[in-house]
């Protein structure tokens, strides 16, 4: 057995999101578990992950990604594997998987472990099915049981599939420097409802906006102020136009990408998520950590960590009126808000920490390398 376990983590994501947060957490926790573990991260040059990891002591390598399948990234995989004597390649997104499979055509590579972080079905296309069933993949780590079930529909060797919940780190920083109420001039009596999510299809901010329109304009309930934090995309102009059309400018604040956004969660009275597809979002785990009650759509693995009316509230996706009902009901019951927050916090500590996630991931690495079950 080698003195060190050398792991290459591949990310081809250009922006920072929950998947990149998981990668950082995993590497930091693995370093705490065993001194013999050496993590090397290959990510997109000047991308969101690169910029974030520059502030850490993690070993980071970069490659340009000017087009979706940039062969310079493939070349860098081969260089890093040789230079750092990599034992396992842990792949963190679909594009990185494509690059790794391409690299197998040029050289012999260590075994792959793939993280499946969303509940999107694998597309029924020959090339896509080929890469997800590639023999180099020894384990597929699914973020939730629902993700495992959906992924299993397209995987021939289902014994590769394992569910490992991501969780969150138990050492988080509260942002005391910026007071959102003061900066945004939110009156003290307003209930602050926050959401952290990039402006992508899966998060369905249109559903969120229609819920706000329902509450403010149709029910004439102006007790809330809604704060949204996340990367802008080509969907953002349509959201801004909707806000203007419905005259919701006074009720909504878009903050865009904000470094260490989770540090603002303690300033939320309620966390709310309107997604149409999820694995399990870090935002929910982080709200549990900071003891902020959560309302969410019941998609992906979310019902595995939130039981409706037990430790939070769930609503069906694409039903803004029902989401509005849930928010109004919870906002009128402070005792219930406190109960949800406390139960969720205890559930997080018991079941969903990144230390548990890292221990379970390391166990799967060892099964791949040494055949231990």
Protein backbone atom coordinates (compact mmCIF):
# COMPACT_ATOMS: atom_id res chain seq x y z
CA UNK A 1 0.00 0.00 0.00
CA UNK A 2 1.29 3.44 -0.95
CA UNK A 3 2.15 5.91 1.76
CA UNK A 4 -0.24 8.42 0.22
CA UNK A 5 -3.59 8.30 -1.52
CA UNK A 6 -3.47 10.73 -4.44
CA UNK A 7 -6.83 11.90 -5.75
CA UNK A 8 -7.41 14.07 -8.81
CA UNK A 9 -10.70 16.00 -8.68
CA UNK A 10 -12.02 17.17 -12.04
CA UNK A 11 -14.38 20.12 -12.43
CA UNK A 12 -15.24 21.74 -15.76
CA UNK A 13 -17.81 24.15 -14.31
CA UNK A 14 -17.18 27.80 -15.11
CA UNK A 15 -19.34 29.29 -12.34
CA UNK A 16 -19.50 28.70 -8.61
CA UNK A 17 -22.46 26.65 -7.39
CA UNK A 18 -23.50 23.86 -5.06
CA UNK A 19 -21.46 21.26 -6.92
CA UNK A 20 -18.30 23.31 -6.57
CA UNK A 21 -19.08 23.94 -2.90
CA UNK A 22 -19.26 20.16 -2.45
CA UNK A 23 -15.89 19.66 -4.12
CA UNK A 24 -14.21 22.22 -1.86
CA UNK A 25 -15.85 20.79 1.28
CA UNK A 26 -14.86 17.24 0.33
CA UNK A 27 -11.20 18.12 -0.16
CA UNK A 28 -11.00 20.12 3.05
CA UNK A 29 -12.62 17.33 5.07
CA UNK A 30 -10.51 14.57 3.46
CA UNK A 31 -7.41 16.47 4.52
CA UNK A 32 -8.68 16.41 8.10
CA UNK A 33 -9.48 12.68 8.10
CA UNK A 34 -6.10 11.33 6.95
CA UNK A 35 -2.77 13.08 6.53
CA UNK A 36 -1.84 10.62 3.80
CA UNK A 37 -4.49 11.92 1.41
CA UNK A 38 -3.29 14.28 -1.30
CA UNK A 39 -6.01 16.14 -3.23
CA UNK A 40 -5.25 17.76 -6.58
CA UNK A 41 -8.01 19.83 -8.18
CA UNK A 42 -8.13 20.50 -11.92
CA UNK A 43 -10.60 23.24 -12.77
CA UNK A 44 -11.32 25.90 -15.39
CA UNK A 45 -8.78 28.70 -15.47
CA UNK A 46 -10.23 31.93 -14.02
CA UNK A 47 -13.58 30.20 -13.40
CA UNK A 48 -15.59 30.51 -10.22
CA UNK A 49 -13.97 27.49 -8.56
CA UNK A 50 -10.45 28.63 -9.44
CA UNK A 51 -11.06 32.07 -7.93
CA UNK A 52 -12.55 30.60 -4.76
CA UNK A 53 -9.84 27.97 -4.22
CA UNK A 54 -7.08 30.55 -4.68
CA UNK A 55 -7.97 31.63 -1.14
CA UNK A 56 -7.31 28.15 0.28
CA UNK A 57 -4.26 25.92 0.74
CA UNK A 58 -5.64 23.28 -1.63
CA UNK A 59 -3.47 22.21 -4.57
CA UNK A 60 -5.12 23.61 -7.70
CA UNK A 61 -4.25 23.10 -11.36
CA UNK A 62 -6.07 24.88 -14.16
CA UNK A 63 -6.75 24.54 -17.86
CA UNK A 64 -8.42 26.95 -20.32
CA UNK A 65 -11.99 26.22 -21.37
CA UNK A 66 -12.72 28.54 -24.28
CA UNK A 67 -14.98 25.95 -25.88
CA UNK A 68 -17.03 23.26 -24.14
CA UNK A 69 -14.62 20.46 -25.09
CA UNK A 70 -11.23 22.13 -24.89
CA UNK A 71 -8.47 19.59 -25.58
CA UNK A 72 -6.06 21.54 -23.37
CA UNK A 73 -8.10 20.33 -20.39
CA UNK A 74 -7.72 16.73 -21.62
CA UNK A 75 -3.98 17.25 -21.96
CA UNK A 76 -3.77 18.61 -18.43
CA UNK A 77 -5.51 15.50 -17.05
CA UNK A 78 -2.73 13.36 -18.49
CA UNK A 79 0.02 15.65 -17.18
CA UNK A 80 -1.37 15.81 -13.64
CA UNK A 81 -1.94 12.06 -13.45
CA UNK A 82 1.67 11.40 -14.38
CA UNK A 83 3.27 14.13 -12.29
CA UNK A 84 1.31 13.46 -9.08
CA UNK A 85 1.00 9.65 -9.43
CA UNK A 86 -2.78 9.83 -9.19
CA UNK A 87 -4.57 6.78 -7.75
CA UNK A 88 -8.20 7.81 -8.37
CA UNK A 89 -9.85 10.40 -10.57
CA UNK A 90 -12.97 11.84 -8.94
CA UNK A 91 -15.17 13.51 -11.57
CA UNK A 92 -17.59 16.20 -10.41
CA UNK A 93 -19.69 17.13 -13.47
CA UNK A 94 -20.83 15.88 -16.85
CA UNK A 95 -18.44 17.97 -18.96
CA UNK A 96 -15.48 16.83 -16.86
CA UNK A 97 -16.64 13.24 -17.43
CA UNK A 98 -16.55 13.79 -21.19
CA UNK A 99 -12.98 15.13 -20.90
CA UNK A 100 -11.87 12.19 -18.78
CA UNK A 101 -13.36 9.67 -21.20
CA UNK A 102 -11.57 11.43 -24.05
CA UNK A 103 -8.33 11.18 -22.08
CA UNK A 104 -8.71 7.38 -21.83
CA UNK A 105 -8.23 7.25 -25.61
CA UNK A 106 -4.76 8.75 -25.23
CA UNK A 107 -3.34 7.01 -22.18
CA UNK A 108 -4.05 4.50 -19.45
CA UNK A 109 -5.68 6.27 -16.50
CA UNK A 110 -6.50 5.43 -12.86
CA UNK A 111 -10.06 4.30 -12.01
CA UNK A 112 -12.86 6.87 -12.03
CA UNK A 113 -15.32 7.80 -9.29
CA UNK A 114 -18.19 9.98 -10.54
CA UNK A 115 -20.37 12.28 -8.44
CA UNK A 116 -23.97 12.62 -9.68
CA UNK A 117 -25.20 15.82 -8.04
CA UNK A 118 -28.53 16.47 -9.77
CA UNK A 119 -31.76 14.54 -10.27
CA UNK A 120 -31.80 15.18 -14.02
CA UNK A 121 -32.22 11.90 -15.92
CA UNK A 122 -29.27 10.86 -18.07
CA UNK A 123 -30.15 11.66 -21.67
CA UNK A 124 -31.05 8.68 -23.81
CA UNK A 125 -28.37 9.30 -26.42
CA UNK A 126 -25.70 6.78 -27.44
CA UNK A 127 -22.73 9.03 -26.65
CA UNK A 128 -24.15 10.11 -23.28
CA UNK A 129 -25.03 6.56 -22.25
CA UNK A 130 -21.56 5.43 -23.35
CA UNK A 131 -19.73 7.88 -21.10
CA UNK A 132 -21.92 7.22 -18.04
CA UNK A 133 -21.46 3.47 -18.50
CA UNK A 134 -17.76 3.71 -19.27
CA UNK A 135 -15.85 0.77 -17.73
CA UNK A 136 -13.35 3.16 -16.15
CA UNK A 137 -16.13 4.36 -13.78
CA UNK A 138 -16.03 2.12 -10.72
CA UNK A 139 -18.43 4.06 -8.48
CA UNK A 140 -21.17 6.64 -9.03
CA UNK A 141 -21.80 8.64 -5.86
CA UNK A 142 -25.36 9.98 -5.88
CA UNK A 143 -26.30 13.03 -3.83
CA UNK A 144 -29.66 11.58 -2.77
CA UNK A 145 -31.64 8.37 -2.94
CA UNK A 146 -33.90 9.96 -5.56
CA UNK A 147 -30.85 10.79 -7.68
CA UNK A 148 -29.69 7.17 -7.36
CA UNK A 149 -33.10 5.87 -8.48
CA UNK A 150 -33.23 8.16 -11.53
CA UNK A 151 -29.60 7.47 -12.48
CA UNK A 152 -30.14 3.71 -12.16
CA UNK A 153 -32.54 3.81 -15.11
CA UNK A 154 -29.59 4.48 -17.45
CA UNK A 155 -26.77 2.54 -15.78
CA UNK A 156 -26.13 -1.05 -16.81
CA UNK A 157 -24.07 -2.06 -13.76
CA UNK A 158 -26.24 -0.77 -10.92
CA UNK A 159 -23.84 -2.07 -8.27
CA UNK A 160 -21.69 1.00 -9.02
CA UNK A 161 -24.36 3.30 -7.58
CA UNK A 162 -24.01 4.54 -4.00
CA UNK A 163 -25.98 7.25 -2.15
CA UNK A 164 -23.85 9.71 -0.18
CA UNK A 165 -25.54 12.86 1.12
CA UNK A 166 -23.34 15.93 0.89
CA UNK A 167 -24.28 17.90 4.00
CA UNK A 168 -22.49 21.04 5.10
CA UNK A 169 -19.43 21.98 7.14
CA UNK A 170 -19.85 22.63 10.85
CA UNK A 171 -17.49 25.60 10.79
CA UNK A 172 -19.25 28.49 9.08
CA UNK A 173 -18.73 32.24 9.20
CA UNK A 174 -21.56 34.71 9.77
CA UNK A 175 -21.33 37.92 7.75
CA UNK A 176 -21.38 40.64 10.40
CA UNK A 177 -19.90 43.31 8.15
CA UNK A 178 -22.96 43.88 5.98
CA UNK A 179 -26.40 44.40 7.50
CA UNK A 180 -28.90 43.62 4.75
CA UNK A 181 -31.77 45.45 6.41
CA UNK A 182 -29.72 48.63 6.71
CA UNK A 183 -28.07 48.41 3.30
CA UNK A 184 -31.31 47.64 1.48
CA UNK A 185 -33.39 49.97 3.68
CA UNK A 186 -35.77 47.18 4.69
CA UNK A 187 -38.17 48.33 7.44
CA UNK A 188 -37.82 46.48 10.75
CA UNK A 189 -41.36 45.10 10.62
CA UNK A 190 -40.79 43.36 7.28
CA UNK A 191 -40.24 39.59 7.18
CA UNK A 192 -37.07 38.85 5.22
CA UNK A 193 -37.41 35.80 2.95
CA UNK A 194 -34.12 34.75 1.38
CA UNK A 195 -33.00 32.46 -1.39
CA UNK A 196 -29.50 31.56 -2.60
CA UNK A 197 -29.60 30.08 -6.12
CA UNK A 198 -28.01 30.80 -9.47
CA UNK A 199 -30.37 31.99 -12.19
CA UNK A 200 -30.59 28.64 -13.95
CA UNK A 201 -33.53 26.61 -15.23
CA UNK A 202 -33.45 24.08 -12.38
CA UNK A 203 -33.99 26.78 -9.71
CA UNK A 204 -37.13 28.11 -11.48
CA UNK A 205 -36.99 31.72 -10.35
CA UNK A 206 -40.06 32.36 -12.49
CA UNK A 207 -42.03 30.23 -10.04
CA UNK A 208 -40.55 32.30 -7.20
CA UNK A 209 -41.53 35.57 -8.90
CA UNK A 210 -45.08 34.38 -9.59
CA UNK A 211 -45.40 33.45 -5.91
CA UNK A 212 -44.35 36.98 -4.95
CA UNK A 213 -46.82 38.47 -7.44
CA UNK A 214 -49.54 36.29 -5.90
CA UNK A 215 -48.74 37.48 -2.38
CA UNK A 216 -48.16 41.18 -3.08
CA UNK A 217 -50.53 42.01 -5.91
CA UNK A 218 -53.32 39.42 -5.71
CA UNK A 219 -53.50 39.01 -1.93
CA UNK A 220 -52.31 42.53 -1.09
CA UNK A 221 -49.92 41.19 1.55
CA UNK A 222 -46.90 43.47 1.76
CA UNK A 223 -45.36 42.11 4.98
CA UNK A 224 -42.39 40.49 3.18
CA UNK A 225 -39.14 41.56 1.58
CA UNK A 226 -37.54 38.98 -0.74
CA UNK A 227 -33.75 38.76 -1.12
CA UNK A 228 -32.23 36.66 -3.90
CA UNK A 229 -28.50 35.88 -4.13
CA UNK A 230 -26.90 34.06 -7.07
CA UNK A 231 -25.13 34.30 -10.42
CA UNK A 232 -26.98 36.16 -13.15
CA UNK A 233 -27.51 34.32 -16.45
CA UNK A 234 -29.25 34.94 -19.77
CA UNK A 235 -32.52 34.31 -17.87
CA UNK A 236 -32.00 37.32 -15.59
CA UNK A 237 -33.29 40.06 -17.98
CA UNK A 238 -36.67 38.29 -18.23
CA UNK A 239 -36.88 38.12 -14.43
CA UNK A 240 -36.08 41.83 -14.12
CA UNK A 241 -38.68 42.66 -16.75
CA UNK A 242 -41.30 40.65 -14.83
CA UNK A 243 -40.45 42.55 -11.62
CA UNK A 244 -40.85 45.86 -13.43
CA UNK A 245 -44.10 44.82 -15.13
CA UNK A 246 -45.66 43.66 -11.84
CA UNK A 247 -44.31 46.68 -9.91
CA UNK A 248 -42.43 44.53 -7.42
CA UNK A 249 -39.26 46.62 -7.20
CA UNK A 250 -39.91 47.59 -3.57
CA UNK A 251 -40.44 43.99 -2.47
CA UNK A 252 -37.47 42.28 -4.17
CA UNK A 253 -33.69 42.71 -3.97
CA UNK A 254 -31.44 40.86 -6.43
CA UNK A 255 -27.87 40.84 -5.08
CA UNK A 256 -26.23 38.78 -7.85
CA UNK A 257 -23.19 36.65 -7.08
CA UNK A 258 -21.98 37.31 -3.55
CA UNK A 259 -18.85 35.64 -2.11
CA UNK A 260 -19.55 33.40 0.90
CA UNK A 261 -23.27 34.03 0.47
CA UNK A 262 -24.23 31.53 3.17
CA UNK A 263 -22.92 34.00 5.74
CA UNK A 264 -26.06 36.08 5.11
CA UNK A 265 -28.51 33.29 5.95
CA UNK A 266 -28.74 34.23 9.67
CA UNK A 267 -30.22 37.55 8.48
CA UNK A 268 -33.12 35.71 6.80
CA UNK A 269 -36.32 35.09 8.76
CA UNK A 270 -37.31 32.30 6.36
CA UNK A 271 -35.39 30.48 3.61
CA UNK A 272 -37.41 29.61 0.52
CA UNK A 273 -36.56 27.59 -2.59
CA UNK A 274 -38.72 27.30 -5.73
CA UNK A 275 -36.77 24.70 -7.73
CA UNK A 276 -38.18 22.40 -10.38
CA UNK A 277 -35.23 20.00 -10.19
CA UNK A 278 -32.60 19.35 -7.51
CA UNK A 279 -30.21 16.88 -6.01
CA UNK A 280 -30.19 18.36 -2.52
CA UNK A 281 -29.19 22.04 -2.47
CA UNK A 282 -26.48 23.31 -0.13
CA UNK A 283 -28.74 26.28 0.63
CA UNK A 284 -31.09 24.02 2.57
CA UNK A 285 -28.29 22.38 4.55
CA UNK A 286 -26.85 25.81 5.33
CA UNK A 287 -30.24 27.11 6.48
CA UNK A 288 -30.50 24.08 8.78
CA UNK A 289 -27.07 24.94 10.17
CA UNK A 290 -28.02 28.55 10.93
CA UNK A 291 -31.42 27.53 12.36
CA UNK A 292 -33.52 29.29 9.74
CA UNK A 293 -36.80 27.56 8.87
CA UNK A 294 -37.19 26.36 5.28
CA UNK A 295 -39.99 26.24 2.71
CA UNK A 296 -39.20 24.41 -0.52
CA UNK A 297 -40.62 22.60 -3.49
CA UNK A 298 -40.63 18.82 -3.04
CA UNK A 299 -38.29 17.94 -5.91
CA UNK A 300 -35.27 15.64 -6.16
CA UNK A 301 -33.89 14.56 -2.81
CA UNK A 302 -35.41 17.43 -0.81
CA UNK A 303 -38.22 15.26 0.68
CA UNK A 304 -35.46 13.01 2.05
CA UNK A 305 -34.31 15.79 4.40
CA UNK A 306 -37.51 17.83 4.88
CA UNK A 307 -40.73 16.21 6.06
CA UNK A 308 -43.68 18.46 5.29
CA UNK A 309 -45.02 20.14 8.42
CA UNK A 310 -42.51 18.29 10.61
CA UNK A 311 -39.20 20.13 10.11
CA UNK A 312 -40.18 22.41 7.25
CA UNK A 313 -42.80 22.96 4.58
CA UNK A 314 -42.95 21.45 1.09
CA UNK A 315 -44.99 22.40 -1.96
CA UNK A 316 -45.34 20.89 -5.41
CA UNK A 317 -43.27 22.60 -8.13
CA UNK A 318 -44.95 24.95 -10.63
CA UNK A 319 -47.63 25.90 -8.08
CA UNK A 320 -46.84 29.45 -6.95
CA UNK A 321 -50.20 29.82 -5.21
CA UNK A 322 -49.48 26.83 -2.95
CA UNK A 323 -45.99 28.13 -2.25
CA UNK A 324 -47.60 31.45 -1.27
CA UNK A 325 -50.02 29.60 1.05
CA UNK A 326 -47.11 27.89 2.80
CA UNK A 327 -45.12 31.10 3.24
CA UNK A 328 -48.05 33.06 4.62
CA UNK A 329 -48.99 30.25 7.02
CA UNK A 330 -45.45 29.81 8.36
CA UNK A 331 -44.87 33.56 8.73
CA UNK A 332 -47.89 33.75 11.05
CA UNK A 333 -46.58 31.09 13.46
CA UNK A 334 -43.26 31.99 15.08
CA UNK A 335 -43.37 28.96 17.38
CA UNK A 336 -43.61 26.69 14.35
CA UNK A 337 -40.72 28.52 12.68
CA UNK A 338 -38.56 27.92 15.76
CA UNK A 339 -39.62 24.28 15.95
CA UNK A 340 -38.74 23.65 12.29
CA UNK A 341 -35.39 25.38 12.68
CA UNK A 342 -34.39 23.41 15.78
CA UNK A 343 -35.49 20.01 14.44
CA UNK A 344 -33.71 20.63 11.13
CA UNK A 345 -30.52 21.68 12.92
CA UNK A 346 -30.50 18.48 14.97
CA UNK A 347 -31.18 16.41 11.86
CA UNK A 348 -28.26 18.08 10.11
CA UNK A 349 -25.82 17.37 12.93
CA UNK A 350 -26.91 13.74 13.16
CA UNK A 351 -27.04 12.85 9.48
CA UNK A 352 -25.79 15.50 7.06
CA UNK A 353 -22.32 16.84 7.81
CA UNK A 354 -19.43 17.04 5.36
CA UNK A 355 -17.28 15.03 7.77
CA UNK A 356 -19.70 12.09 7.41
CA UNK A 357 -19.78 12.66 3.65
CA UNK A 358 -15.97 12.61 3.43
CA UNK A 359 -15.71 9.45 5.56
CA UNK A 360 -18.22 7.65 3.34
CA UNK A 361 -16.50 8.89 0.16
CA UNK A 362 -13.09 7.72 1.41
CA UNK A 363 -14.58 4.31 2.15
CA UNK A 364 -15.73 4.09 -1.49
CA UNK A 365 -12.27 5.12 -2.73
CA UNK A 366 -10.76 2.27 -0.73
CA UNK A 367 -13.28 -0.22 -2.09
CA UNK A 368 -12.26 0.79 -5.60
CA UNK A 369 -8.55 0.52 -4.91
CA UNK A 370 -8.32 -2.36 -2.47
CA UNK A 371 -11.58 -4.25 -2.92
CA UNK A 372 -12.66 -3.70 0.70
CA UNK A 373 -16.40 -3.93 1.35
